[in-house]
N, C-alpha and C. Protein backbone atom coordinates (compact mmCIF):
# COMPACT_ATOMS: atom_id res chain seq x y z
N MET A 1 193.96 90.59 128.56
CA MET A 1 192.64 89.98 128.53
C MET A 1 191.60 91.09 128.42
N THR A 2 190.70 90.97 127.50
CA THR A 2 189.65 91.94 127.32
C THR A 2 188.41 91.52 128.12
N LEU A 3 187.46 92.43 128.24
CA LEU A 3 186.21 92.08 128.92
C LEU A 3 185.49 90.96 128.18
N ARG A 4 185.51 91.01 126.88
CA ARG A 4 184.85 89.96 126.09
C ARG A 4 185.45 88.59 126.39
N GLU A 5 186.79 88.52 126.47
CA GLU A 5 187.45 87.24 126.79
C GLU A 5 187.12 86.79 128.20
N LEU A 6 187.09 87.75 129.14
CA LEU A 6 186.72 87.41 130.52
C LEU A 6 185.30 86.89 130.60
N PHE A 7 184.38 87.57 129.94
CA PHE A 7 182.99 87.13 129.94
C PHE A 7 182.83 85.76 129.28
N GLN A 8 183.58 85.54 128.22
CA GLN A 8 183.53 84.26 127.55
C GLN A 8 184.05 83.14 128.46
N GLN A 9 185.13 83.43 129.17
CA GLN A 9 185.69 82.44 130.08
C GLN A 9 184.74 82.14 131.24
N ILE A 10 184.11 83.17 131.76
CA ILE A 10 183.14 82.95 132.84
C ILE A 10 181.94 82.16 132.31
N GLY A 11 181.50 82.48 131.09
CA GLY A 11 180.38 81.75 130.49
C GLY A 11 180.68 80.28 130.28
N GLU A 12 181.94 79.96 129.99
CA GLU A 12 182.31 78.56 129.77
C GLU A 12 182.48 77.80 131.09
N ASN A 13 182.85 78.51 132.16
CA ASN A 13 183.05 77.89 133.47
C ASN A 13 182.30 78.68 134.54
N PRO A 14 180.97 78.55 134.61
CA PRO A 14 180.19 79.39 135.52
C PRO A 14 180.07 78.85 136.95
N ASN A 15 180.78 77.79 137.29
CA ASN A 15 180.60 77.16 138.60
C ASN A 15 180.90 78.11 139.75
N PHE A 16 182.02 78.81 139.70
CA PHE A 16 182.36 79.74 140.78
C PHE A 16 181.34 80.86 140.87
N LEU A 17 180.93 81.39 139.73
CA LEU A 17 179.96 82.48 139.71
C LEU A 17 178.62 82.02 140.28
N LEU A 18 178.18 80.84 139.91
CA LEU A 18 176.92 80.31 140.45
C LEU A 18 177.02 80.08 141.95
N PHE A 19 178.15 79.55 142.41
CA PHE A 19 178.36 79.37 143.84
C PHE A 19 178.32 80.70 144.57
N TYR A 20 179.00 81.70 144.03
CA TYR A 20 179.04 83.04 144.63
C TYR A 20 177.64 83.62 144.76
N PHE A 21 176.86 83.53 143.67
CA PHE A 21 175.52 84.12 143.69
C PHE A 21 174.49 83.24 144.38
N LEU A 22 174.85 82.03 144.75
CA LEU A 22 173.96 81.19 145.53
C LEU A 22 174.23 81.35 147.02
N ILE A 23 175.49 81.51 147.40
CA ILE A 23 175.85 81.56 148.81
C ILE A 23 175.43 82.88 149.47
N ILE A 24 175.41 83.98 148.72
CA ILE A 24 175.09 85.27 149.33
C ILE A 24 173.62 85.36 149.75
N PRO A 25 172.64 85.09 148.88
CA PRO A 25 171.26 85.15 149.37
C PRO A 25 170.96 84.05 150.40
N SER A 26 171.65 82.92 150.27
CA SER A 26 171.48 81.86 151.28
C SER A 26 171.96 82.35 152.64
N SER A 27 173.09 83.04 152.66
CA SER A 27 173.61 83.61 153.91
C SER A 27 172.65 84.65 154.47
N ALA A 28 172.06 85.47 153.61
CA ALA A 28 171.10 86.47 154.06
C ALA A 28 169.86 85.81 154.65
N ALA A 29 169.40 84.73 154.03
CA ALA A 29 168.23 84.01 154.54
C ALA A 29 168.53 83.35 155.89
N ILE A 30 169.70 82.73 155.99
CA ILE A 30 170.08 82.08 157.26
C ILE A 30 170.27 83.11 158.35
N ALA A 31 170.90 84.24 158.02
CA ALA A 31 171.08 85.30 159.01
C ALA A 31 169.74 85.88 159.44
N GLY A 32 168.79 85.94 158.52
CA GLY A 32 167.46 86.41 158.87
C GLY A 32 166.75 85.48 159.83
N ILE A 33 166.99 84.19 159.69
CA ILE A 33 166.38 83.22 160.60
C ILE A 33 167.08 83.23 161.95
N LEU A 34 168.40 83.20 161.95
CA LEU A 34 169.15 83.14 163.21
C LEU A 34 169.11 84.45 163.99
N GLY A 35 169.10 85.57 163.29
CA GLY A 35 169.12 86.87 163.96
C GLY A 35 167.78 87.57 163.87
N LYS A 36 166.70 86.82 164.00
CA LYS A 36 165.35 87.39 163.90
C LYS A 36 165.18 88.54 164.88
N ASP A 37 164.78 89.69 164.38
CA ASP A 37 164.54 90.91 165.15
C ASP A 37 165.79 91.43 165.85
N GLU A 38 166.97 90.97 165.45
CA GLU A 38 168.23 91.47 166.00
C GLU A 38 169.13 92.02 164.90
N GLY A 39 168.57 92.30 163.73
CA GLY A 39 169.36 92.74 162.59
C GLY A 39 170.04 94.08 162.80
N HIS A 40 169.53 94.88 163.71
CA HIS A 40 170.12 96.19 163.98
C HIS A 40 171.27 96.13 164.97
N LEU A 41 171.49 94.96 165.57
CA LEU A 41 172.57 94.81 166.54
C LEU A 41 173.89 94.54 165.84
N SER A 42 174.96 94.67 166.61
CA SER A 42 176.32 94.74 166.07
C SER A 42 176.76 93.61 165.14
N PRO A 43 176.73 92.35 165.49
CA PRO A 43 177.31 91.41 164.52
C PRO A 43 176.46 91.27 163.26
N TRP A 44 175.15 91.36 163.40
CA TRP A 44 174.28 91.13 162.25
C TRP A 44 174.33 92.29 161.25
N LYS A 45 174.35 93.51 161.76
CA LYS A 45 174.33 94.63 160.81
C LYS A 45 175.60 94.69 159.97
N TYR A 46 176.73 94.25 160.52
CA TYR A 46 177.96 94.23 159.73
C TYR A 46 177.95 93.08 158.71
N LEU A 47 177.34 91.97 159.08
CA LEU A 47 177.16 90.88 158.13
C LEU A 47 176.27 91.34 156.98
N TYR A 48 175.19 92.00 157.31
CA TYR A 48 174.28 92.51 156.28
C TYR A 48 174.98 93.53 155.38
N ALA A 49 175.78 94.40 155.96
CA ALA A 49 176.52 95.39 155.16
C ALA A 49 177.46 94.68 154.18
N THR A 50 178.15 93.66 154.66
CA THR A 50 179.06 92.91 153.80
C THR A 50 178.30 92.23 152.67
N LEU A 51 177.17 91.60 153.00
CA LEU A 51 176.38 90.92 151.97
C LEU A 51 175.84 91.90 150.94
N ILE A 52 175.41 93.07 151.40
CA ILE A 52 174.89 94.08 150.47
C ILE A 52 175.99 94.53 149.52
N TYR A 53 177.17 94.77 150.04
CA TYR A 53 178.26 95.18 149.16
C TYR A 53 178.68 94.06 148.21
N LEU A 54 178.67 92.82 148.69
CA LEU A 54 179.06 91.69 147.83
C LEU A 54 178.11 91.48 146.66
N VAL A 55 176.85 91.85 146.82
CA VAL A 55 175.92 91.72 145.69
C VAL A 55 175.73 93.01 144.93
N SER A 56 175.96 94.14 145.58
CA SER A 56 175.71 95.42 144.91
C SER A 56 176.76 95.75 143.86
N ILE A 57 178.00 95.45 144.14
CA ILE A 57 179.05 95.78 143.18
C ILE A 57 178.83 95.02 141.86
N PRO A 58 178.65 93.68 141.87
CA PRO A 58 178.36 93.01 140.60
C PRO A 58 177.00 93.41 140.02
N GLY A 59 176.03 93.66 140.89
CA GLY A 59 174.70 94.05 140.40
C GLY A 59 174.73 95.39 139.70
N ILE A 60 175.42 96.35 140.28
CA ILE A 60 175.54 97.68 139.66
C ILE A 60 176.32 97.58 138.36
N PHE A 61 177.37 96.77 138.35
CA PHE A 61 178.13 96.56 137.13
C PHE A 61 177.25 95.94 136.04
N ALA A 62 176.42 94.98 136.42
CA ALA A 62 175.54 94.33 135.44
C ALA A 62 174.51 95.32 134.89
N VAL A 63 173.98 96.18 135.74
CA VAL A 63 173.03 97.19 135.26
C VAL A 63 173.71 98.14 134.29
N ALA A 64 174.91 98.60 134.65
CA ALA A 64 175.65 99.51 133.77
C ALA A 64 176.00 98.82 132.45
N LEU A 65 176.39 97.56 132.52
CA LEU A 65 176.72 96.80 131.32
C LEU A 65 175.49 96.63 130.43
N ASN A 66 174.36 96.32 131.04
CA ASN A 66 173.12 96.19 130.28
C ASN A 66 172.72 97.51 129.64
N ALA A 67 172.85 98.58 130.40
CA ALA A 67 172.51 99.90 129.86
C ALA A 67 173.41 100.22 128.67
N TYR A 68 174.69 99.91 128.80
CA TYR A 68 175.61 100.17 127.68
C TYR A 68 175.25 99.31 126.46
N PHE A 69 175.02 98.03 126.69
CA PHE A 69 174.71 97.14 125.57
C PHE A 69 173.40 97.51 124.88
N PHE A 70 172.38 97.78 125.66
CA PHE A 70 171.06 97.97 125.07
C PHE A 70 170.79 99.41 124.63
N LEU A 71 171.34 100.38 125.35
CA LEU A 71 171.07 101.77 125.00
C LEU A 71 172.04 102.33 123.99
N PHE A 72 173.32 101.98 124.13
CA PHE A 72 174.32 102.60 123.29
C PHE A 72 174.75 101.71 122.11
N GLN A 73 174.87 100.42 122.35
CA GLN A 73 175.25 99.53 121.26
C GLN A 73 174.05 98.91 120.56
N ARG A 74 172.88 99.13 121.12
CA ARG A 74 171.64 98.58 120.58
C ARG A 74 171.76 97.06 120.39
N GLY A 75 172.21 96.41 121.46
CA GLY A 75 172.41 94.97 121.42
C GLY A 75 171.11 94.20 121.35
N ASP A 76 171.22 92.98 120.93
CA ASP A 76 170.09 92.09 120.80
C ASP A 76 169.78 91.46 122.16
N VAL A 77 168.54 91.51 122.56
CA VAL A 77 168.14 90.94 123.85
C VAL A 77 168.37 89.43 123.88
N MET A 78 168.25 88.79 122.74
CA MET A 78 168.43 87.34 122.68
C MET A 78 169.89 86.94 122.87
N GLN A 79 170.82 87.90 122.81
CA GLN A 79 172.23 87.63 123.02
C GLN A 79 172.66 87.92 124.47
N THR A 80 171.72 88.18 125.34
CA THR A 80 172.01 88.51 126.72
C THR A 80 172.62 87.32 127.44
N ASP A 81 173.71 87.56 128.15
CA ASP A 81 174.36 86.52 128.94
C ASP A 81 173.66 86.42 130.29
N VAL A 82 173.03 85.31 130.54
CA VAL A 82 172.25 85.13 131.76
C VAL A 82 173.12 85.21 133.00
N TYR A 83 174.31 84.63 132.95
CA TYR A 83 175.19 84.60 134.11
C TYR A 83 175.73 85.98 134.47
N LEU A 84 176.02 86.81 133.49
CA LEU A 84 176.69 88.09 133.76
C LEU A 84 175.78 89.30 133.68
N GLN A 85 174.63 89.18 133.03
CA GLN A 85 173.79 90.34 132.84
C GLN A 85 172.46 90.26 133.58
N ILE A 86 172.00 89.09 133.90
CA ILE A 86 170.71 88.95 134.56
C ILE A 86 170.86 88.45 135.99
N LEU A 87 171.64 87.40 136.18
CA LEU A 87 171.80 86.79 137.51
C LEU A 87 172.28 87.77 138.58
N PRO A 88 173.28 88.62 138.33
CA PRO A 88 173.70 89.55 139.39
C PRO A 88 172.60 90.52 139.83
N ILE A 89 171.76 90.94 138.90
CA ILE A 89 170.68 91.86 139.25
C ILE A 89 169.61 91.15 140.08
N ILE A 90 169.24 89.95 139.67
CA ILE A 90 168.24 89.19 140.41
C ILE A 90 168.73 88.88 141.82
N VAL A 91 169.99 88.47 141.94
CA VAL A 91 170.55 88.13 143.25
C VAL A 91 170.66 89.39 144.13
N MET A 92 171.00 90.53 143.53
CA MET A 92 171.09 91.77 144.30
C MET A 92 169.72 92.14 144.86
N VAL A 93 168.70 92.10 144.04
CA VAL A 93 167.35 92.45 144.49
C VAL A 93 166.87 91.45 145.54
N LEU A 94 167.09 90.17 145.31
CA LEU A 94 166.66 89.13 146.25
C LEU A 94 167.37 89.28 147.60
N THR A 95 168.67 89.51 147.58
CA THR A 95 169.43 89.64 148.82
C THR A 95 168.99 90.86 149.61
N ILE A 96 168.82 91.98 148.93
CA ILE A 96 168.37 93.19 149.64
C ILE A 96 166.96 93.00 150.18
N PHE A 97 166.10 92.30 149.45
CA PHE A 97 164.76 92.00 149.94
C PHE A 97 164.82 91.14 151.20
N LEU A 98 165.67 90.10 151.19
CA LEU A 98 165.79 89.23 152.36
C LEU A 98 166.34 89.99 153.57
N ILE A 99 167.30 90.85 153.35
CA ILE A 99 167.88 91.62 154.45
C ILE A 99 166.87 92.64 154.97
N ARG A 100 166.13 93.23 154.06
CA ARG A 100 165.15 94.25 154.45
C ARG A 100 164.04 93.67 155.30
N ARG A 101 163.76 92.40 155.17
CA ARG A 101 162.73 91.75 155.99
C ARG A 101 163.12 91.70 157.46
N ASN A 102 164.43 91.74 157.75
CA ASN A 102 164.90 91.58 159.13
C ASN A 102 165.42 92.88 159.75
N VAL A 103 165.81 93.84 158.93
CA VAL A 103 166.40 95.06 159.48
C VAL A 103 166.06 96.24 158.57
N ASP A 104 165.88 97.39 159.19
CA ASP A 104 165.71 98.62 158.43
C ASP A 104 167.05 98.95 157.77
N LEU A 105 167.03 99.14 156.47
CA LEU A 105 168.28 99.32 155.73
C LEU A 105 169.03 100.58 156.14
N SER A 106 168.36 101.55 156.72
CA SER A 106 169.07 102.76 157.17
C SER A 106 169.97 102.46 158.37
N LEU A 107 169.74 101.33 159.04
CA LEU A 107 170.58 100.93 160.17
C LEU A 107 171.80 100.11 159.76
N VAL A 108 171.85 99.71 158.49
CA VAL A 108 172.98 98.93 157.99
C VAL A 108 174.11 99.89 157.67
N PRO A 109 175.31 99.69 158.25
CA PRO A 109 176.42 100.61 157.99
C PRO A 109 176.81 100.63 156.52
N GLY A 110 176.92 101.83 155.97
CA GLY A 110 177.36 101.99 154.60
C GLY A 110 176.27 101.88 153.56
N PHE A 111 175.04 101.57 153.98
CA PHE A 111 173.98 101.44 152.98
C PHE A 111 173.68 102.78 152.31
N ASP A 112 173.83 103.86 153.05
CA ASP A 112 173.62 105.18 152.44
C ASP A 112 174.65 105.45 151.35
N LYS A 113 175.87 104.94 151.54
CA LYS A 113 176.91 105.12 150.53
C LYS A 113 176.59 104.34 149.26
N ILE A 114 176.17 103.09 149.42
CA ILE A 114 175.89 102.27 148.24
C ILE A 114 174.63 102.77 147.54
N SER A 115 173.65 103.26 148.28
CA SER A 115 172.46 103.80 147.62
C SER A 115 172.81 105.10 146.91
N GLY A 116 173.73 105.88 147.46
CA GLY A 116 174.22 107.07 146.75
C GLY A 116 174.94 106.69 145.47
N LEU A 117 175.70 105.60 145.52
CA LEU A 117 176.38 105.11 144.31
C LEU A 117 175.36 104.69 143.27
N TRP A 118 174.32 103.98 143.69
CA TRP A 118 173.26 103.59 142.75
C TRP A 118 172.65 104.83 142.10
N PHE A 119 172.33 105.82 142.92
CA PHE A 119 171.70 107.04 142.41
C PHE A 119 172.61 107.74 141.40
N MET A 120 173.87 107.89 141.75
CA MET A 120 174.80 108.57 140.84
C MET A 120 174.99 107.79 139.55
N LEU A 121 175.09 106.48 139.65
CA LEU A 121 175.27 105.66 138.45
C LEU A 121 174.06 105.76 137.53
N PHE A 122 172.87 105.62 138.07
CA PHE A 122 171.69 105.68 137.23
C PHE A 122 171.47 107.07 136.65
N THR A 123 171.81 108.10 137.41
CA THR A 123 171.70 109.46 136.90
C THR A 123 172.69 109.69 135.77
N THR A 124 173.91 109.21 135.93
CA THR A 124 174.91 109.36 134.89
C THR A 124 174.51 108.61 133.63
N MET A 125 174.03 107.39 133.78
CA MET A 125 173.60 106.61 132.62
C MET A 125 172.41 107.29 131.93
N LEU A 126 171.49 107.83 132.70
CA LEU A 126 170.35 108.53 132.12
C LEU A 126 170.82 109.77 131.36
N LEU A 127 171.73 110.51 131.93
CA LEU A 127 172.27 111.70 131.27
C LEU A 127 172.99 111.33 129.97
N MET A 128 173.78 110.28 130.02
CA MET A 128 174.48 109.85 128.80
C MET A 128 173.49 109.39 127.73
N TRP A 129 172.44 108.69 128.15
CA TRP A 129 171.43 108.22 127.21
C TRP A 129 170.69 109.41 126.58
N LEU A 130 170.34 110.40 127.42
CA LEU A 130 169.67 111.59 126.88
C LEU A 130 170.56 112.35 125.90
N LEU A 131 171.84 112.49 126.25
CA LEU A 131 172.77 113.15 125.33
C LEU A 131 172.89 112.38 124.02
N GLU A 132 172.89 111.08 124.11
CA GLU A 132 172.99 110.26 122.89
C GLU A 132 171.72 110.37 122.06
N LYS A 133 170.58 110.45 122.71
CA LYS A 133 169.31 110.52 121.99
C LYS A 133 169.12 111.85 121.29
N ILE A 134 169.60 112.93 121.89
CA ILE A 134 169.42 114.23 121.23
C ILE A 134 170.58 114.54 120.28
N HIS A 135 171.49 113.62 120.14
CA HIS A 135 172.56 113.67 119.15
C HIS A 135 173.49 114.88 119.31
N ILE A 136 173.67 115.35 120.54
CA ILE A 136 174.70 116.38 120.75
C ILE A 136 176.06 115.74 120.58
N VAL A 137 176.23 114.59 121.21
CA VAL A 137 177.44 113.80 121.05
C VAL A 137 176.98 112.37 120.80
N VAL A 138 177.52 111.75 119.81
CA VAL A 138 177.12 110.39 119.51
C VAL A 138 178.09 109.45 120.20
N PHE A 139 177.64 108.83 121.30
CA PHE A 139 178.50 107.96 122.08
C PHE A 139 178.70 106.61 121.42
N SER A 140 177.77 106.18 120.62
CA SER A 140 177.85 104.83 120.10
C SER A 140 179.01 104.65 119.12
N TYR A 141 179.57 105.74 118.59
CA TYR A 141 180.68 105.62 117.65
C TYR A 141 182.04 105.81 118.33
N LEU A 142 182.01 106.13 119.62
CA LEU A 142 183.26 106.29 120.36
C LEU A 142 183.81 104.92 120.75
N PRO A 143 185.11 104.76 120.78
CA PRO A 143 185.67 103.53 121.34
C PRO A 143 185.30 103.42 122.83
N PHE A 144 185.25 102.21 123.31
CA PHE A 144 184.77 101.96 124.67
C PHE A 144 185.59 102.70 125.72
N GLN A 145 186.91 102.79 125.56
CA GLN A 145 187.74 103.46 126.57
C GLN A 145 187.40 104.95 126.65
N TYR A 146 187.05 105.58 125.53
CA TYR A 146 186.64 106.99 125.56
C TYR A 146 185.29 107.14 126.24
N LEU A 147 184.41 106.18 126.02
CA LEU A 147 183.12 106.20 126.69
C LEU A 147 183.29 106.08 128.19
N LEU A 148 184.23 105.25 128.63
CA LEU A 148 184.50 105.13 130.07
C LEU A 148 185.03 106.44 130.65
N VAL A 149 185.86 107.15 129.91
CA VAL A 149 186.37 108.44 130.38
C VAL A 149 185.23 109.45 130.49
N VAL A 150 184.38 109.50 129.48
CA VAL A 150 183.23 110.41 129.52
C VAL A 150 182.32 110.05 130.69
N PHE A 151 182.10 108.75 130.88
CA PHE A 151 181.28 108.29 131.99
C PHE A 151 181.90 108.70 133.33
N ALA A 152 183.19 108.55 133.49
CA ALA A 152 183.86 108.92 134.75
C ALA A 152 183.77 110.42 135.00
N VAL A 153 183.93 111.22 133.97
CA VAL A 153 183.82 112.68 134.14
C VAL A 153 182.40 113.07 134.54
N LEU A 154 181.42 112.52 133.84
CA LEU A 154 180.02 112.80 134.20
C LEU A 154 179.71 112.32 135.61
N PHE A 155 180.22 111.17 135.95
CA PHE A 155 180.02 110.61 137.29
C PHE A 155 180.59 111.55 138.35
N ALA A 156 181.80 112.06 138.11
CA ALA A 156 182.43 112.98 139.06
C ALA A 156 181.64 114.29 139.17
N LEU A 157 181.17 114.80 138.04
CA LEU A 157 180.39 116.03 138.08
C LEU A 157 179.07 115.86 138.82
N ILE A 158 178.41 114.75 138.59
CA ILE A 158 177.16 114.49 139.30
C ILE A 158 177.44 114.29 140.79
N TYR A 159 178.54 113.62 141.11
CA TYR A 159 178.90 113.43 142.52
C TYR A 159 179.14 114.77 143.21
N LEU A 160 179.92 115.63 142.57
CA LEU A 160 180.19 116.95 143.16
C LEU A 160 178.91 117.76 143.29
N GLY A 161 178.06 117.71 142.28
CA GLY A 161 176.78 118.42 142.37
C GLY A 161 175.88 117.88 143.46
N TRP A 162 175.86 116.57 143.60
CA TRP A 162 175.04 115.96 144.63
C TRP A 162 175.55 116.33 146.03
N ARG A 163 176.87 116.34 146.19
CA ARG A 163 177.45 116.71 147.49
C ARG A 163 177.11 118.15 147.86
N ARG A 164 177.17 119.04 146.89
CA ARG A 164 176.82 120.43 147.15
C ARG A 164 175.34 120.58 147.42
N PHE A 165 174.51 119.79 146.76
CA PHE A 165 173.07 119.85 146.97
C PHE A 165 172.73 119.40 148.39
N ILE A 166 173.38 118.36 148.87
CA ILE A 166 173.11 117.84 150.21
C ILE A 166 173.52 118.84 151.28
N ARG A 167 174.63 119.51 151.08
CA ARG A 167 175.09 120.49 152.08
C ARG A 167 174.18 121.67 152.03
């Protein structure tokens, strides 16, 4: 099964995806009401960490997918899949906003890790876009699997550089 086939199947049957992206911000809103001013305490902060990870992974994937489609393949905006390319980003931002209203995100376990992942991903995508724009290496003509390898290598290099910078 290819990504295109998976996306097509999800587009034809979006019920599970819609349920998934509806239940997470709803859970964050309910937790915000029930745990008002207690978000930094033990059961709530782990719930918030779980919710952040549940929306961040698809949200980060959607951002990377959009960057690939629009920056490297020069895709048409009118062909954007709302369920897979827009909804995860909106739900991620909404969920983090709802959680942030009740707790300082630095108190949520693992939030520093996911924000580091966001930083590394966006830096890698920016670097790849800049390399593509100055035509040192033309990524748009590479097969997708080679682009993923280049992305992984750049990601690892940025990660190692970031770790050394922090120390």
